[in-house]
Each structure stands twice: as C-alpha cells, then as structure tokens.
Amino acid sequence: MHNIKEFIDMNENDFDSFFNILDNSFPKSERRDYPSQKDLLSISNYRPFVFKQNDEVLALMAVWEFSDFIYVEHLAVDGKLRGKGVGTELIKNYLNKCDKKVFLEVEPPNCETSKKRVSFYEKLGFSFNDFYYLQQPLNPGDSPFRLNIMSYPESIGEREFDKYKKDIYKDVYGVELQEQ
C-alpha cells in the first residue's frame, strides 16, 4: 500500500461519515441539511470524494464538475487530523491531476481564521480575487452573504468569472442569473 494521500470517490456507505465531518466543519448556512445533501448524490456533475485510513473517513472534498472548470463546494479534514498537512497533501494531489480551472469560495480575510484560510489556499497555488461575490443560500430561509472567489491556477477578473458564476448559481444554488 502506498503512503500518498489521495481522495477517492465516495461510496454511499460512507455518506454518514462524510456528512458528520461536513456538519462539524461548516456552519449551517454553509452546508445543506442531511436529506438535501444526500439528494445531491443523484446529480451527475456533483462528485463527493473522501480520504480514508483503516476504512475510516478522515477528510472530504465535494466538487461540481463542469465542462471547463471545477467548483469546490466543500473541503474538510476531521478534527483529529487538522493541522497535520493531510489537507494540503490531498489538495495538491487532486490539483496535480486536474486540467481545468478550479474555483472555491472563502470568507473575506477580515479575521485571523479567514486570513489563515486564504493563506492556506494561496500556498497551494490559488489566487485571491478581490471582487464582489454573493454566495447564494443553500437552505430555505437563509440569505445570500458576501464571500470571495479563489481561483487556480491563476487569478481571474470579475467579468471573466461571470460566465462561470452563471453555471455555479444555476447548478449549485438553483438560481438563474438574469442577463445584464
């Protein structure tokens, strides 16, 4: 067995462990509830990945695959492995195999935690793009909120990102953007 840490496709038997890490890693406004999350498994361009050791799910990454880009919706490592380089190795190995642009959302870097998160992704080769972006609600009754887009392998302008945002809003959030 090799020691390279890589994500594998999640199988349905791992869903409860996947959701437990998701639930413990993200506030309610940044994740779906259990049934809504499970419903995503039937969507063809939604791909949940896990990292396992000794048959235990210890990390996850959920992405949406589009024809010309990848949108990373969630990335999380179990609390007992956080800060040990596991997430870094998993993402590096994923990006090394990826031949598309990759986008993810981060909170604006206005506190120590969000600054560390931005720095983590920058060390992996992502660029912080400082334009206005609203994450659409994942749950009924929630409101959109301000985030920033990070992109890999290079930065992207707001106008260029608009074509990707249209697909993200439609597929991930179920929101149709009106042409301007």
N, C-alpha and C. Protein backbone atom coordinates (compact mmCIF):
# COMPACT_ATOMS: atom_id res chain seq x y z
N MET A 1 0.84 -1.19 0.00
CA MET A 1 0.00 0.00 0.00
C MET A 1 0.88 1.25 0.00
N HIS A 2 0.50 2.26 -0.78
CA HIS A 2 1.29 3.48 -0.88
C HIS A 2 0.90 4.47 0.23
N ASN A 3 1.79 5.41 0.49
CA ASN A 3 1.55 6.40 1.52
C ASN A 3 1.07 7.73 0.96
N ILE A 4 0.85 7.79 -0.34
CA ILE A 4 0.36 9.03 -0.94
C ILE A 4 -1.10 9.21 -0.53
N LYS A 5 -1.38 10.40 -0.04
CA LYS A 5 -2.76 10.69 0.40
C LYS A 5 -3.55 11.23 -0.78
N GLU A 6 -4.58 10.48 -1.16
CA GLU A 6 -5.41 10.87 -2.29
C GLU A 6 -6.88 10.69 -1.96
N PHE A 7 -7.69 11.58 -2.54
CA PHE A 7 -9.13 11.42 -2.44
C PHE A 7 -9.58 10.29 -3.35
N ILE A 8 -10.60 9.58 -2.92
CA ILE A 8 -11.25 8.57 -3.75
C ILE A 8 -12.73 8.93 -3.83
N ASP A 9 -13.40 8.40 -4.86
CA ASP A 9 -14.84 8.63 -4.96
C ASP A 9 -15.53 8.07 -3.73
N MET A 10 -16.45 8.85 -3.18
CA MET A 10 -17.20 8.39 -2.02
C MET A 10 -18.22 7.36 -2.47
N ASN A 11 -18.37 6.28 -1.69
CA ASN A 11 -19.48 5.37 -1.97
C ASN A 11 -20.59 5.68 -0.97
N GLU A 12 -21.78 5.27 -1.30
CA GLU A 12 -22.95 5.64 -0.49
C GLU A 12 -22.83 5.18 0.97
N ASN A 13 -22.10 4.09 1.21
CA ASN A 13 -21.91 3.61 2.59
C ASN A 13 -21.12 4.59 3.45
N ASP A 14 -20.36 5.48 2.81
CA ASP A 14 -19.56 6.47 3.54
C ASP A 14 -20.30 7.78 3.78
N PHE A 15 -21.55 7.86 3.31
CA PHE A 15 -22.24 9.15 3.38
C PHE A 15 -22.40 9.66 4.81
N ASP A 16 -22.77 8.82 5.75
CA ASP A 16 -22.98 9.30 7.12
C ASP A 16 -21.68 9.88 7.71
N SER A 17 -20.55 9.23 7.46
CA SER A 17 -19.26 9.74 7.94
C SER A 17 -18.91 11.04 7.22
N PHE A 18 -19.15 11.08 5.93
CA PHE A 18 -18.94 12.28 5.12
C PHE A 18 -19.74 13.44 5.72
N PHE A 19 -21.04 13.19 5.95
CA PHE A 19 -21.90 14.26 6.46
C PHE A 19 -21.49 14.68 7.87
N ASN A 20 -21.05 13.76 8.68
CA ASN A 20 -20.62 14.10 10.04
C ASN A 20 -19.45 15.08 10.02
N ILE A 21 -18.47 14.85 9.16
CA ILE A 21 -17.33 15.78 9.04
C ILE A 21 -17.83 17.12 8.50
N LEU A 22 -18.69 17.09 7.50
CA LEU A 22 -19.26 18.31 6.94
C LEU A 22 -19.99 19.10 8.01
N ASP A 23 -20.82 18.43 8.77
CA ASP A 23 -21.62 19.05 9.83
C ASP A 23 -20.75 19.68 10.92
N ASN A 24 -19.64 19.03 11.24
CA ASN A 24 -18.74 19.53 12.28
C ASN A 24 -17.78 20.60 11.79
N SER A 25 -17.68 20.77 10.47
CA SER A 25 -16.69 21.69 9.90
C SER A 25 -17.27 22.99 9.36
N PHE A 26 -18.57 23.01 9.08
CA PHE A 26 -19.18 24.18 8.46
C PHE A 26 -20.40 24.63 9.24
N PRO A 27 -20.61 25.95 9.33
CA PRO A 27 -21.84 26.44 9.94
C PRO A 27 -23.04 26.05 9.08
N LYS A 28 -24.20 26.02 9.69
CA LYS A 28 -25.42 25.60 9.00
C LYS A 28 -25.65 26.36 7.69
N SER A 29 -25.31 27.65 7.66
CA SER A 29 -25.55 28.46 6.46
C SER A 29 -24.63 28.08 5.29
N GLU A 30 -23.56 27.30 5.59
CA GLU A 30 -22.60 26.94 4.54
C GLU A 30 -22.66 25.46 4.17
N ARG A 31 -23.72 24.80 4.58
CA ARG A 31 -23.92 23.40 4.21
C ARG A 31 -25.42 23.10 4.16
N ARG A 32 -25.76 22.07 3.47
CA ARG A 32 -27.16 21.65 3.38
C ARG A 32 -27.50 20.74 4.56
N ASP A 33 -28.79 20.54 4.78
CA ASP A 33 -29.19 19.57 5.80
C ASP A 33 -28.98 18.16 5.24
N TYR A 34 -29.10 17.16 6.10
CA TYR A 34 -28.80 15.78 5.73
C TYR A 34 -29.57 15.31 4.48
N PRO A 35 -30.92 15.43 4.45
CA PRO A 35 -31.62 14.93 3.25
C PRO A 35 -31.25 15.68 1.98
N SER A 36 -31.08 17.00 2.08
CA SER A 36 -30.72 17.78 0.88
C SER A 36 -29.33 17.41 0.39
N GLN A 37 -28.40 17.19 1.32
CA GLN A 37 -27.04 16.79 0.93
C GLN A 37 -27.07 15.42 0.27
N LYS A 38 -27.84 14.50 0.84
CA LYS A 38 -27.92 13.15 0.27
C LYS A 38 -28.54 13.18 -1.13
N ASP A 39 -29.50 14.08 -1.34
CA ASP A 39 -30.14 14.21 -2.66
C ASP A 39 -29.14 14.56 -3.76
N LEU A 40 -28.05 15.25 -3.39
CA LEU A 40 -27.05 15.64 -4.39
C LEU A 40 -26.37 14.43 -5.04
N LEU A 41 -26.37 13.29 -4.35
CA LEU A 41 -25.68 12.11 -4.86
C LEU A 41 -26.24 11.63 -6.21
N SER A 42 -27.46 12.04 -6.52
CA SER A 42 -28.07 11.62 -7.79
C SER A 42 -27.79 12.62 -8.92
N ILE A 43 -27.07 13.70 -8.63
CA ILE A 43 -26.76 14.70 -9.66
C ILE A 43 -25.43 14.35 -10.31
N SER A 44 -25.44 14.27 -11.63
CA SER A 44 -24.28 13.72 -12.35
C SER A 44 -23.01 14.55 -12.23
N ASN A 45 -23.10 15.88 -12.14
CA ASN A 45 -21.86 16.65 -12.08
C ASN A 45 -21.43 16.98 -10.64
N TYR A 46 -22.13 16.44 -9.65
CA TYR A 46 -21.71 16.58 -8.26
C TYR A 46 -20.86 15.36 -7.90
N ARG A 47 -19.63 15.59 -7.41
CA ARG A 47 -18.73 14.49 -7.08
C ARG A 47 -18.21 14.63 -5.66
N PRO A 48 -18.64 13.77 -4.77
CA PRO A 48 -18.08 13.77 -3.41
C PRO A 48 -16.89 12.80 -3.34
N PHE A 49 -15.81 13.28 -2.75
CA PHE A 49 -14.62 12.48 -2.55
C PHE A 49 -14.35 12.33 -1.06
N VAL A 50 -13.68 11.24 -0.70
CA VAL A 50 -13.26 11.04 0.68
C VAL A 50 -11.81 10.57 0.72
N PHE A 51 -11.21 10.77 1.86
CA PHE A 51 -9.90 10.19 2.16
C PHE A 51 -10.14 9.28 3.35
N LYS A 52 -9.69 8.04 3.22
CA LYS A 52 -9.92 7.05 4.28
C LYS A 52 -8.61 6.41 4.71
N GLN A 53 -8.55 6.09 5.99
CA GLN A 53 -7.48 5.26 6.54
C GLN A 53 -8.15 4.23 7.41
N ASN A 54 -7.75 2.98 7.26
CA ASN A 54 -8.35 1.88 8.03
C ASN A 54 -9.87 1.93 7.94
N ASP A 55 -10.38 2.18 6.75
CA ASP A 55 -11.81 2.23 6.45
C ASP A 55 -12.57 3.35 7.17
N GLU A 56 -11.84 4.32 7.74
CA GLU A 56 -12.48 5.46 8.41
C GLU A 56 -12.34 6.70 7.53
N VAL A 57 -13.45 7.39 7.29
CA VAL A 57 -13.43 8.63 6.52
C VAL A 57 -12.81 9.72 7.39
N LEU A 58 -11.72 10.31 6.89
CA LEU A 58 -11.00 11.32 7.67
C LEU A 58 -10.94 12.69 6.99
N ALA A 59 -11.37 12.76 5.74
CA ALA A 59 -11.40 14.03 5.03
C ALA A 59 -12.38 13.91 3.86
N LEU A 60 -12.85 15.07 3.40
CA LEU A 60 -13.79 15.07 2.29
C LEU A 60 -13.53 16.27 1.40
N MET A 61 -13.93 16.11 0.17
CA MET A 61 -13.97 17.21 -0.77
C MET A 61 -15.18 16.96 -1.66
N ALA A 62 -16.02 17.97 -1.80
CA ALA A 62 -17.19 17.87 -2.67
C ALA A 62 -17.02 18.90 -3.78
N VAL A 63 -17.05 18.45 -5.01
CA VAL A 63 -16.86 19.34 -6.16
C VAL A 63 -18.02 19.21 -7.13
N TRP A 64 -18.18 20.25 -7.90
CA TRP A 64 -19.10 20.25 -9.04
C TRP A 64 -18.23 20.33 -10.28
N GLU A 65 -18.39 19.35 -11.16
CA GLU A 65 -17.59 19.30 -12.38
C GLU A 65 -18.38 19.87 -13.55
N PHE A 66 -17.82 20.88 -14.17
CA PHE A 66 -18.40 21.49 -15.36
C PHE A 66 -17.47 21.21 -16.53
N SER A 67 -17.92 21.50 -17.74
CA SER A 67 -17.11 21.14 -18.91
C SER A 67 -15.74 21.82 -18.90
N ASP A 68 -15.66 23.06 -18.40
CA ASP A 68 -14.39 23.77 -18.48
C ASP A 68 -13.86 24.26 -17.13
N PHE A 69 -14.47 23.83 -16.03
CA PHE A 69 -13.97 24.22 -14.71
C PHE A 69 -14.52 23.31 -13.62
N ILE A 70 -13.90 23.41 -12.45
CA ILE A 70 -14.32 22.68 -11.26
C ILE A 70 -14.66 23.71 -10.19
N TYR A 71 -15.76 23.49 -9.51
CA TYR A 71 -16.13 24.33 -8.37
C TYR A 71 -16.04 23.46 -7.11
N VAL A 72 -15.17 23.84 -6.19
CA VAL A 72 -15.03 23.10 -4.93
C VAL A 72 -16.03 23.69 -3.94
N GLU A 73 -17.03 22.90 -3.59
CA GLU A 73 -18.04 23.37 -2.65
C GLU A 73 -17.60 23.19 -1.21
N HIS A 74 -17.03 22.05 -0.90
CA HIS A 74 -16.58 21.79 0.48
C HIS A 74 -15.25 21.04 0.49
N LEU A 75 -14.44 21.40 1.45
CA LEU A 75 -13.20 20.69 1.74
C LEU A 75 -13.07 20.70 3.26
N ALA A 76 -12.90 19.53 3.84
CA ALA A 76 -12.80 19.46 5.30
C ALA A 76 -12.00 18.23 5.71
N VAL A 77 -11.28 18.40 6.80
CA VAL A 77 -10.49 17.31 7.39
C VAL A 77 -11.01 17.09 8.80
N ASP A 78 -11.14 15.84 9.19
CA ASP A 78 -11.57 15.51 10.54
C ASP A 78 -10.68 16.23 11.56
N GLY A 79 -11.29 16.69 12.64
CA GLY A 79 -10.58 17.47 13.65
C GLY A 79 -9.31 16.83 14.16
N LYS A 80 -9.27 15.51 14.27
CA LYS A 80 -8.07 14.85 14.82
C LYS A 80 -6.88 14.89 13.86
N LEU A 81 -7.12 15.23 12.58
CA LEU A 81 -6.02 15.31 11.62
C LEU A 81 -5.71 16.74 11.17
N ARG A 82 -6.53 17.70 11.60
CA ARG A 82 -6.32 19.09 11.17
C ARG A 82 -4.96 19.61 11.63
N GLY A 83 -4.33 20.36 10.73
CA GLY A 83 -3.04 20.96 11.06
C GLY A 83 -1.86 20.01 10.90
N LYS A 84 -2.08 18.85 10.33
CA LYS A 84 -1.01 17.85 10.17
C LYS A 84 -0.58 17.68 8.72
N GLY A 85 -1.04 18.58 7.85
CA GLY A 85 -0.62 18.54 6.45
C GLY A 85 -1.43 17.60 5.56
N VAL A 86 -2.43 16.94 6.12
CA VAL A 86 -3.23 15.99 5.34
C VAL A 86 -4.02 16.72 4.25
N GLY A 87 -4.70 17.80 4.63
CA GLY A 87 -5.49 18.56 3.65
C GLY A 87 -4.62 19.11 2.54
N THR A 88 -3.44 19.61 2.90
CA THR A 88 -2.50 20.14 1.91
C THR A 88 -2.12 19.06 0.91
N GLU A 89 -1.74 17.90 1.40
CA GLU A 89 -1.33 16.82 0.50
C GLU A 89 -2.48 16.34 -0.38
N LEU A 90 -3.67 16.23 0.20
CA LEU A 90 -4.83 15.80 -0.58
C LEU A 90 -5.14 16.77 -1.71
N ILE A 91 -5.17 18.05 -1.40
CA ILE A 91 -5.47 19.05 -2.43
C ILE A 91 -4.38 19.10 -3.49
N LYS A 92 -3.12 19.08 -3.07
CA LYS A 92 -2.02 19.10 -4.05
C LYS A 92 -2.15 17.93 -5.02
N ASN A 93 -2.41 16.75 -4.50
CA ASN A 93 -2.53 15.57 -5.36
C ASN A 93 -3.73 15.69 -6.29
N TYR A 94 -4.82 16.27 -5.82
CA TYR A 94 -6.00 16.47 -6.67
C TYR A 94 -5.68 17.48 -7.78
N LEU A 95 -5.07 18.61 -7.40
CA LEU A 95 -4.77 19.66 -8.38
C LEU A 95 -3.76 19.19 -9.43
N ASN A 96 -2.82 18.34 -9.03
CA ASN A 96 -1.83 17.82 -9.97
C ASN A 96 -2.47 17.00 -11.09
N LYS A 97 -3.64 16.45 -10.85
CA LYS A 97 -4.34 15.64 -11.86
C LYS A 97 -5.41 16.44 -12.59
N CYS A 98 -5.64 17.65 -12.15
CA CYS A 98 -6.73 18.47 -12.69
C CYS A 98 -6.25 19.28 -13.88
N ASP A 99 -7.02 19.26 -14.97
CA ASP A 99 -6.64 20.02 -16.16
C ASP A 99 -7.64 21.14 -16.47
N LYS A 100 -8.37 21.57 -15.45
CA LYS A 100 -9.36 22.64 -15.60
C LYS A 100 -9.10 23.74 -14.58
N LYS A 101 -9.72 24.89 -14.80
CA LYS A 101 -9.69 25.93 -13.79
C LYS A 101 -10.46 25.42 -12.57
N VAL A 102 -10.03 25.85 -11.38
CA VAL A 102 -10.70 25.45 -10.15
C VAL A 102 -11.07 26.71 -9.38
N PHE A 103 -12.31 26.75 -8.89
CA PHE A 103 -12.79 27.88 -8.10
C PHE A 103 -13.31 27.39 -6.76
N LEU A 104 -13.17 28.23 -5.75
CA LEU A 104 -13.78 27.98 -4.45
C LEU A 104 -14.09 29.31 -3.80
N GLU A 105 -14.97 29.26 -2.81
CA GLU A 105 -15.38 30.47 -2.10
C GLU A 105 -14.70 30.50 -0.72
N VAL A 106 -14.30 31.69 -0.31
CA VAL A 106 -13.74 31.89 1.03
C VAL A 106 -14.34 33.15 1.64
N GLU A 107 -14.34 33.19 2.96
CA GLU A 107 -14.78 34.40 3.65
C GLU A 107 -13.76 35.50 3.41
N PRO A 108 -14.19 36.75 3.33
CA PRO A 108 -13.23 37.85 3.19
C PRO A 108 -12.21 37.79 4.34
N PRO A 109 -10.95 38.06 4.05
CA PRO A 109 -9.91 37.92 5.08
C PRO A 109 -9.91 39.08 6.07
N ASN A 110 -10.92 39.09 6.94
CA ASN A 110 -11.03 40.19 7.89
C ASN A 110 -10.93 39.74 9.35
N CYS A 111 -10.54 38.49 9.56
CA CYS A 111 -10.24 37.99 10.91
C CYS A 111 -9.10 36.98 10.77
N GLU A 112 -8.53 36.59 11.88
CA GLU A 112 -7.37 35.69 11.85
C GLU A 112 -7.68 34.36 11.17
N THR A 113 -8.84 33.78 11.47
CA THR A 113 -9.22 32.49 10.88
C THR A 113 -9.36 32.59 9.37
N SER A 114 -10.06 33.61 8.89
CA SER A 114 -10.24 33.73 7.43
C SER A 114 -8.93 34.09 6.73
N LYS A 115 -8.06 34.86 7.38
CA LYS A 115 -6.74 35.15 6.80
C LYS A 115 -5.92 33.88 6.66
N LYS A 116 -5.98 33.00 7.66
CA LYS A 116 -5.25 31.73 7.60
C LYS A 116 -5.79 30.85 6.48
N ARG A 117 -7.11 30.86 6.30
CA ARG A 117 -7.71 30.03 5.25
C ARG A 117 -7.26 30.52 3.87
N VAL A 118 -7.29 31.83 3.65
CA VAL A 118 -6.84 32.39 2.37
C VAL A 118 -5.37 32.03 2.15
N SER A 119 -4.56 32.18 3.18
CA SER A 119 -3.13 31.86 3.08
C SER A 119 -2.92 30.38 2.75
N PHE A 120 -3.70 29.50 3.36
CA PHE A 120 -3.62 28.05 3.09
C PHE A 120 -3.81 27.79 1.59
N TYR A 121 -4.85 28.38 1.02
CA TYR A 121 -5.11 28.15 -0.41
C TYR A 121 -4.08 28.83 -1.30
N GLU A 122 -3.59 30.00 -0.89
CA GLU A 122 -2.55 30.66 -1.69
C GLU A 122 -1.28 29.82 -1.75
N LYS A 123 -0.93 29.16 -0.65
CA LYS A 123 0.25 28.28 -0.64
C LYS A 123 0.08 27.10 -1.59
N LEU A 124 -1.16 26.76 -1.90
CA LEU A 124 -1.44 25.66 -2.83
C LEU A 124 -1.51 26.14 -4.28
N GLY A 125 -1.35 27.44 -4.50
CA GLY A 125 -1.36 27.97 -5.86
C GLY A 125 -2.63 28.70 -6.25
N PHE A 126 -3.59 28.83 -5.33
CA PHE A 126 -4.81 29.57 -5.62
C PHE A 126 -4.53 31.06 -5.54
N SER A 127 -5.30 31.84 -6.29
CA SER A 127 -5.22 33.30 -6.25
C SER A 127 -6.49 33.85 -5.61
N PHE A 128 -6.31 34.84 -4.75
CA PHE A 128 -7.43 35.53 -4.13
C PHE A 128 -7.90 36.61 -5.08
N ASN A 129 -9.18 36.60 -5.43
CA ASN A 129 -9.75 37.56 -6.36
C ASN A 129 -10.64 38.52 -5.58
N ASP A 130 -10.27 39.77 -5.58
CA ASP A 130 -10.93 40.74 -4.72
C ASP A 130 -12.05 41.48 -5.45
N PHE A 131 -13.09 40.74 -5.84
CA PHE A 131 -14.27 41.39 -6.41
C PHE A 131 -15.51 40.92 -5.64
N TYR A 132 -16.58 41.67 -5.77
CA TYR A 132 -17.80 41.41 -5.02
C TYR A 132 -18.46 40.12 -5.51
N TYR A 133 -18.79 39.26 -4.56
CA TYR A 133 -19.43 37.98 -4.88
C TYR A 133 -20.37 37.62 -3.73
N LEU A 134 -21.55 37.16 -4.07
CA LEU A 134 -22.51 36.70 -3.06
C LEU A 134 -22.72 35.20 -3.19
N GLN A 135 -22.49 34.48 -2.08
CA GLN A 135 -22.87 33.07 -2.08
C GLN A 135 -24.37 33.03 -1.91
N GLN A 136 -25.01 32.27 -2.74
CA GLN A 136 -26.46 32.11 -2.65
C GLN A 136 -26.80 31.13 -1.53
N PRO A 137 -27.99 31.24 -0.98
CA PRO A 137 -28.35 30.37 0.16
C PRO A 137 -28.43 28.90 -0.23
N LEU A 138 -27.95 28.05 0.68
CA LEU A 138 -28.05 26.60 0.49
C LEU A 138 -29.32 26.04 1.13
N ASN A 139 -29.92 26.81 2.03
CA ASN A 139 -31.09 26.34 2.77
C ASN A 139 -32.23 27.34 2.64
N PRO A 140 -33.47 26.84 2.57
CA PRO A 140 -34.62 27.75 2.50
C PRO A 140 -34.62 28.70 3.71
N GLY A 141 -34.93 29.96 3.45
CA GLY A 141 -35.00 30.94 4.52
C GLY A 141 -33.68 31.63 4.82
N ASP A 142 -32.55 31.10 4.31
CA ASP A 142 -31.26 31.76 4.51
C ASP A 142 -31.11 32.89 3.49
N SER A 143 -30.20 33.80 3.76
CA SER A 143 -29.93 34.92 2.86
C SER A 143 -28.57 34.76 2.21
N PRO A 144 -28.39 35.36 1.03
CA PRO A 144 -27.05 35.36 0.42
C PRO A 144 -26.08 36.11 1.34
N PHE A 145 -24.78 35.78 1.23
CA PHE A 145 -23.78 36.51 2.01
C PHE A 145 -22.49 36.65 1.23
N ARG A 146 -21.74 37.67 1.60
CA ARG A 146 -20.52 38.08 0.90
C ARG A 146 -19.39 37.08 1.12
N LEU A 147 -18.80 36.64 0.02
CA LEU A 147 -17.61 35.80 0.05
C LEU A 147 -16.67 36.30 -1.05
N ASN A 148 -15.53 35.67 -1.14
CA ASN A 148 -14.60 35.95 -2.24
C ASN A 148 -14.33 34.66 -2.98
N ILE A 149 -13.96 34.81 -4.23
CA ILE A 149 -13.60 33.68 -5.08
C ILE A 149 -12.09 33.53 -5.10
N MET A 150 -11.63 32.31 -4.91
CA MET A 150 -10.22 31.99 -5.14
C MET A 150 -10.19 31.10 -6.37
N SER A 151 -9.15 31.27 -7.18
CA SER A 151 -9.07 30.54 -8.44
C SER A 151 -7.69 29.90 -8.60
N TYR A 152 -7.68 28.80 -9.32
CA TYR A 152 -6.46 28.05 -9.60
C TYR A 152 -6.49 27.70 -11.08
N PRO A 153 -5.45 27.82 -11.82
CA PRO A 153 -4.07 28.10 -11.41
C PRO A 153 -3.70 29.58 -11.44
N GLU A 154 -4.64 30.47 -11.81
CA GLU A 154 -4.30 31.89 -11.87
C GLU A 154 -5.49 32.72 -11.43
N SER A 155 -5.24 34.02 -11.25
CA SER A 155 -6.32 34.91 -10.86
C SER A 155 -7.28 35.10 -12.03
N ILE A 156 -8.45 35.62 -11.70
CA ILE A 156 -9.48 35.82 -12.71
C ILE A 156 -10.17 37.15 -12.41
N GLY A 157 -10.56 37.86 -13.45
CA GLY A 157 -11.28 39.11 -13.28
C GLY A 157 -12.77 38.85 -13.11
N GLU A 158 -13.47 39.85 -12.57
CA GLU A 158 -14.89 39.70 -12.30
C GLU A 158 -15.69 39.43 -13.58
N ARG A 159 -15.39 40.16 -14.64
CA ARG A 159 -16.13 39.96 -15.90
C ARG A 159 -15.90 38.55 -16.46
N GLU A 160 -14.66 38.08 -16.41
CA GLU A 160 -14.37 36.73 -16.89
C GLU A 160 -15.07 35.69 -16.02
N PHE A 161 -15.12 35.95 -14.70
CA PHE A 161 -15.74 34.99 -13.79
C PHE A 161 -17.26 34.91 -13.99
N ASP A 162 -17.87 35.97 -14.50
CA ASP A 162 -19.33 35.99 -14.66
C ASP A 162 -19.87 34.78 -15.41
N LYS A 163 -19.15 34.32 -16.44
CA LYS A 163 -19.65 33.16 -17.20
C LYS A 163 -19.63 31.89 -16.35
N TYR A 164 -18.65 31.77 -15.44
CA TYR A 164 -18.60 30.61 -14.55
C TYR A 164 -19.64 30.75 -13.44
N LYS A 165 -19.80 31.98 -12.95
CA LYS A 165 -20.76 32.24 -11.88
C LYS A 165 -22.17 31.84 -12.30
N LYS A 166 -22.50 32.08 -13.55
CA LYS A 166 -23.83 31.73 -14.07
C LYS A 166 -24.09 30.22 -13.88
N ASP A 167 -23.10 29.40 -14.22
CA ASP A 167 -23.25 27.94 -14.07
C ASP A 167 -23.26 27.52 -12.60
N ILE A 168 -22.41 28.14 -11.79
CA ILE A 168 -22.38 27.82 -10.36
C ILE A 168 -23.72 28.15 -9.72
N TYR A 169 -24.22 29.35 -9.98
CA TYR A 169 -25.50 29.75 -9.40
C TYR A 169 -26.61 28.79 -9.82
N LYS A 170 -26.63 28.42 -11.10
CA LYS A 170 -27.71 27.56 -11.62
C LYS A 170 -27.63 26.15 -11.03
N ASP A 171 -26.47 25.49 -11.14
CA ASP A 171 -26.36 24.09 -10.74
C ASP A 171 -26.24 23.91 -9.23
N VAL A 172 -25.42 24.72 -8.59
CA VAL A 172 -25.13 24.53 -7.17
C VAL A 172 -26.24 25.11 -6.30
N TYR A 173 -26.71 26.31 -6.66
CA TYR A 173 -27.65 27.02 -5.81
C TYR A 173 -29.08 27.08 -6.35
N GLY A 174 -29.28 26.64 -7.60
CA GLY A 174 -30.62 26.66 -8.17
C GLY A 174 -31.14 28.05 -8.46
N VAL A 175 -30.23 28.98 -8.79
CA VAL A 175 -30.59 30.36 -9.05
C VAL A 175 -30.21 30.72 -10.49
N GLU A 176 -31.19 31.24 -11.24
CA GLU A 176 -30.92 31.68 -12.61
C GLU A 176 -30.51 33.14 -12.58
N LEU A 177 -29.35 33.45 -13.14
CA LEU A 177 -28.90 34.84 -13.26
C LEU A 177 -29.55 35.47 -14.47
N GLN A 178 -30.03 36.67 -14.31
CA GLN A 178 -30.62 37.40 -15.42
C GLN A 178 -29.51 38.06 -16.23
N GLU A 179 -29.64 38.05 -17.53
CA GLU A 179 -28.66 38.72 -18.40
C GLU A 179 -28.70 40.21 -18.14
N GLN A 180 -27.50 40.82 -18.11
CA GLN A 180 -27.46 42.26 -17.82
C GLN A 180 -27.09 43.03 -19.04
